[in-house]
Amino acid sequence: MTPENRSAAIAAAVLLAVFGVGAYYLPTIMIAVGNLSTVAAGIVAILFVAAFFLVFWLRGRSRRDNRD
């Protein structure tokens, strides 16, 4: 395994762990926020999903910029 592959694997594992833990606690967070506002709870869920895709979109842009 090359150092580049190793760092990519470590980054993927960290992202998987962070979003996995976030997804595990998301219902609890949504219930807590939902006690204040149901709209805010929905926004929390939308932001969580958007953050997941935003990370990969930014990584793709970064890799595309480095390739040029």
N, C-alpha and C. Protein backbone atom coordinates (compact mmCIF):
# COMPACT_ATOMS: atom_id res chain seq x y z
N MET A 1 0.85 -1.18 0.00
CA MET A 1 0.00 0.00 0.00
C MET A 1 0.90 1.24 0.00
N THR A 2 0.66 2.13 -0.96
CA THR A 2 1.46 3.34 -1.05
C THR A 2 0.99 4.34 0.00
N PRO A 3 1.83 5.31 0.33
CA PRO A 3 1.42 6.32 1.32
C PRO A 3 0.17 7.08 0.90
N GLU A 4 0.00 7.33 -0.41
CA GLU A 4 -1.19 8.04 -0.87
C GLU A 4 -2.44 7.20 -0.64
N ASN A 5 -2.33 5.90 -0.94
CA ASN A 5 -3.47 5.01 -0.71
C ASN A 5 -3.77 4.87 0.77
N ARG A 6 -2.72 4.82 1.56
CA ARG A 6 -2.91 4.68 3.00
C ARG A 6 -3.62 5.90 3.57
N SER A 7 -3.21 7.10 3.16
CA SER A 7 -3.85 8.30 3.69
C SER A 7 -5.30 8.39 3.21
N ALA A 8 -5.57 7.96 1.99
CA ALA A 8 -6.95 7.96 1.50
C ALA A 8 -7.80 6.96 2.29
N ALA A 9 -7.23 5.81 2.62
CA ALA A 9 -7.96 4.81 3.40
C ALA A 9 -8.22 5.31 4.82
N ILE A 10 -7.25 5.97 5.40
CA ILE A 10 -7.44 6.52 6.74
C ILE A 10 -8.51 7.61 6.72
N ALA A 11 -8.47 8.47 5.71
CA ALA A 11 -9.47 9.53 5.59
C ALA A 11 -10.87 8.93 5.42
N ALA A 12 -10.98 7.90 4.61
CA ALA A 12 -12.28 7.25 4.40
C ALA A 12 -12.77 6.61 5.69
N ALA A 13 -11.87 6.00 6.44
CA ALA A 13 -12.27 5.37 7.71
C ALA A 13 -12.73 6.42 8.72
N VAL A 14 -12.04 7.55 8.76
CA VAL A 14 -12.43 8.62 9.68
C VAL A 14 -13.80 9.17 9.29
N LEU A 15 -14.00 9.42 8.00
CA LEU A 15 -15.30 9.92 7.54
C LEU A 15 -16.42 8.93 7.84
N LEU A 16 -16.14 7.67 7.60
CA LEU A 16 -17.14 6.64 7.88
C LEU A 16 -17.48 6.61 9.36
N ALA A 17 -16.46 6.72 10.21
CA ALA A 17 -16.69 6.69 11.65
C ALA A 17 -17.47 7.93 12.11
N VAL A 18 -17.08 9.10 11.62
CA VAL A 18 -17.75 10.34 12.03
C VAL A 18 -19.21 10.34 11.60
N PHE A 19 -19.45 10.01 10.33
CA PHE A 19 -20.83 10.01 9.86
C PHE A 19 -21.61 8.83 10.42
N GLY A 20 -20.96 7.73 10.71
CA GLY A 20 -21.64 6.61 11.34
C GLY A 20 -22.12 6.95 12.74
N VAL A 21 -21.24 7.56 13.52
CA VAL A 21 -21.63 7.98 14.87
C VAL A 21 -22.70 9.06 14.79
N GLY A 22 -22.55 9.98 13.83
CA GLY A 22 -23.56 11.03 13.65
C GLY A 22 -24.91 10.44 13.29
N ALA A 23 -24.92 9.46 12.40
CA ALA A 23 -26.18 8.82 12.00
C ALA A 23 -26.78 8.04 13.16
N TYR A 24 -25.93 7.46 14.00
CA TYR A 24 -26.43 6.71 15.16
C TYR A 24 -27.15 7.64 16.13
N TYR A 25 -26.59 8.83 16.35
CA TYR A 25 -27.16 9.77 17.31
C TYR A 25 -28.15 10.75 16.68
N LEU A 26 -28.30 10.72 15.36
CA LEU A 26 -29.19 11.67 14.69
C LEU A 26 -30.64 11.59 15.19
N PRO A 27 -31.23 10.41 15.37
CA PRO A 27 -32.61 10.40 15.90
C PRO A 27 -32.73 11.04 17.28
N THR A 28 -31.76 10.81 18.14
CA THR A 28 -31.78 11.41 19.48
C THR A 28 -31.67 12.93 19.38
N ILE A 29 -30.78 13.38 18.52
CA ILE A 29 -30.61 14.82 18.32
C ILE A 29 -31.88 15.43 17.75
N MET A 30 -32.48 14.74 16.78
CA MET A 30 -33.70 15.26 16.17
C MET A 30 -34.85 15.32 17.18
N ILE A 31 -34.96 14.34 18.05
CA ILE A 31 -36.01 14.37 19.08
C ILE A 31 -35.78 15.54 20.03
N ALA A 32 -34.52 15.75 20.42
CA ALA A 32 -34.22 16.86 21.33
C ALA A 32 -34.51 18.20 20.67
N VAL A 33 -34.11 18.36 19.42
CA VAL A 33 -34.37 19.61 18.71
C VAL A 33 -35.87 19.71 18.39
N GLY A 34 -36.50 18.58 18.11
CA GLY A 34 -37.92 18.56 17.80
C GLY A 34 -38.78 19.02 18.96
N ASN A 35 -38.29 18.88 20.18
CA ASN A 35 -39.03 19.40 21.33
C ASN A 35 -39.12 20.92 21.27
N LEU A 36 -38.14 21.55 20.64
CA LEU A 36 -38.16 22.99 20.48
C LEU A 36 -38.93 23.40 19.23
N SER A 37 -38.63 22.72 18.12
CA SER A 37 -39.28 23.04 16.86
C SER A 37 -39.15 21.87 15.90
N THR A 38 -40.26 21.45 15.32
CA THR A 38 -40.21 20.33 14.37
C THR A 38 -39.51 20.75 13.08
N VAL A 39 -39.66 22.00 12.71
CA VAL A 39 -38.98 22.50 11.50
C VAL A 39 -37.46 22.46 11.71
N ALA A 40 -37.02 22.86 12.88
CA ALA A 40 -35.59 22.83 13.18
C ALA A 40 -35.06 21.40 13.16
N ALA A 41 -35.84 20.45 13.62
CA ALA A 41 -35.43 19.04 13.59
C ALA A 41 -35.26 18.57 12.15
N GLY A 42 -36.18 18.97 11.28
CA GLY A 42 -36.05 18.63 9.87
C GLY A 42 -34.83 19.26 9.24
N ILE A 43 -34.55 20.50 9.62
CA ILE A 43 -33.36 21.19 9.10
C ILE A 43 -32.09 20.48 9.56
N VAL A 44 -32.06 20.00 10.78
CA VAL A 44 -30.90 19.26 11.28
C VAL A 44 -30.66 18.01 10.43
N ALA A 45 -31.72 17.30 10.10
CA ALA A 45 -31.58 16.09 9.28
C ALA A 45 -31.10 16.44 7.88
N ILE A 46 -31.65 17.50 7.30
CA ILE A 46 -31.24 17.92 5.97
C ILE A 46 -29.77 18.34 5.97
N LEU A 47 -29.36 19.08 6.98
CA LEU A 47 -27.96 19.51 7.07
C LEU A 47 -27.01 18.33 7.23
N PHE A 48 -27.44 17.32 7.98
CA PHE A 48 -26.59 16.13 8.15
C PHE A 48 -26.37 15.43 6.81
N VAL A 49 -27.43 15.22 6.06
CA VAL A 49 -27.31 14.56 4.77
C VAL A 49 -26.53 15.42 3.79
N ALA A 50 -26.78 16.73 3.80
CA ALA A 50 -26.06 17.64 2.91
C ALA A 50 -24.57 17.66 3.25
N ALA A 51 -24.23 17.60 4.53
CA ALA A 51 -22.82 17.60 4.93
C ALA A 51 -22.11 16.36 4.42
N PHE A 52 -22.81 15.23 4.42
CA PHE A 52 -22.23 13.99 3.93
C PHE A 52 -21.82 14.15 2.46
N PHE A 53 -22.73 14.67 1.64
CA PHE A 53 -22.43 14.84 0.23
C PHE A 53 -21.46 16.00 -0.01
N LEU A 54 -21.52 17.03 0.82
CA LEU A 54 -20.62 18.17 0.67
C LEU A 54 -19.16 17.75 0.85
N VAL A 55 -18.90 16.86 1.78
CA VAL A 55 -17.54 16.39 2.01
C VAL A 55 -16.99 15.72 0.75
N PHE A 56 -17.78 14.87 0.13
CA PHE A 56 -17.31 14.17 -1.06
C PHE A 56 -17.23 15.10 -2.27
N TRP A 57 -18.12 16.07 -2.35
CA TRP A 57 -18.06 17.05 -3.44
C TRP A 57 -16.79 17.88 -3.32
N LEU A 58 -16.46 18.33 -2.10
CA LEU A 58 -15.24 19.10 -1.89
C LEU A 58 -14.00 18.26 -2.16
N ARG A 59 -14.03 17.00 -1.79
CA ARG A 59 -12.89 16.12 -2.08
C ARG A 59 -12.71 15.95 -3.58
N GLY A 60 -13.79 15.80 -4.31
CA GLY A 60 -13.71 15.68 -5.76
C GLY A 60 -13.18 16.93 -6.40
N ARG A 61 -13.60 18.08 -5.94
CA ARG A 61 -13.08 19.35 -6.47
C ARG A 61 -11.60 19.49 -6.18
N SER A 62 -11.21 19.10 -4.98
CA SER A 62 -9.80 19.19 -4.59
C SER A 62 -8.94 18.28 -5.46
N ARG A 63 -9.39 17.08 -5.69
CA ARG A 63 -8.62 16.14 -6.51
C ARG A 63 -8.57 16.61 -7.96
N ARG A 64 -9.66 17.17 -8.44
CA ARG A 64 -9.70 17.66 -9.82
C ARG A 64 -8.74 18.84 -9.98
N ASP A 65 -8.69 19.75 -9.00
CA ASP A 65 -7.79 20.90 -9.06
C ASP A 65 -6.34 20.47 -8.99
N ASN A 66 -6.04 19.45 -8.20
CA ASN A 66 -4.64 18.98 -8.08
C ASN A 66 -4.17 18.26 -9.32
N ARG A 67 -5.08 17.69 -10.08
CA ARG A 67 -4.73 16.91 -11.26
C ARG A 67 -4.30 17.81 -12.40
N ASP A 68 -4.86 19.03 -12.47
CA ASP A 68 -4.56 19.95 -13.57
C ASP A 68 -3.16 20.49 -13.55
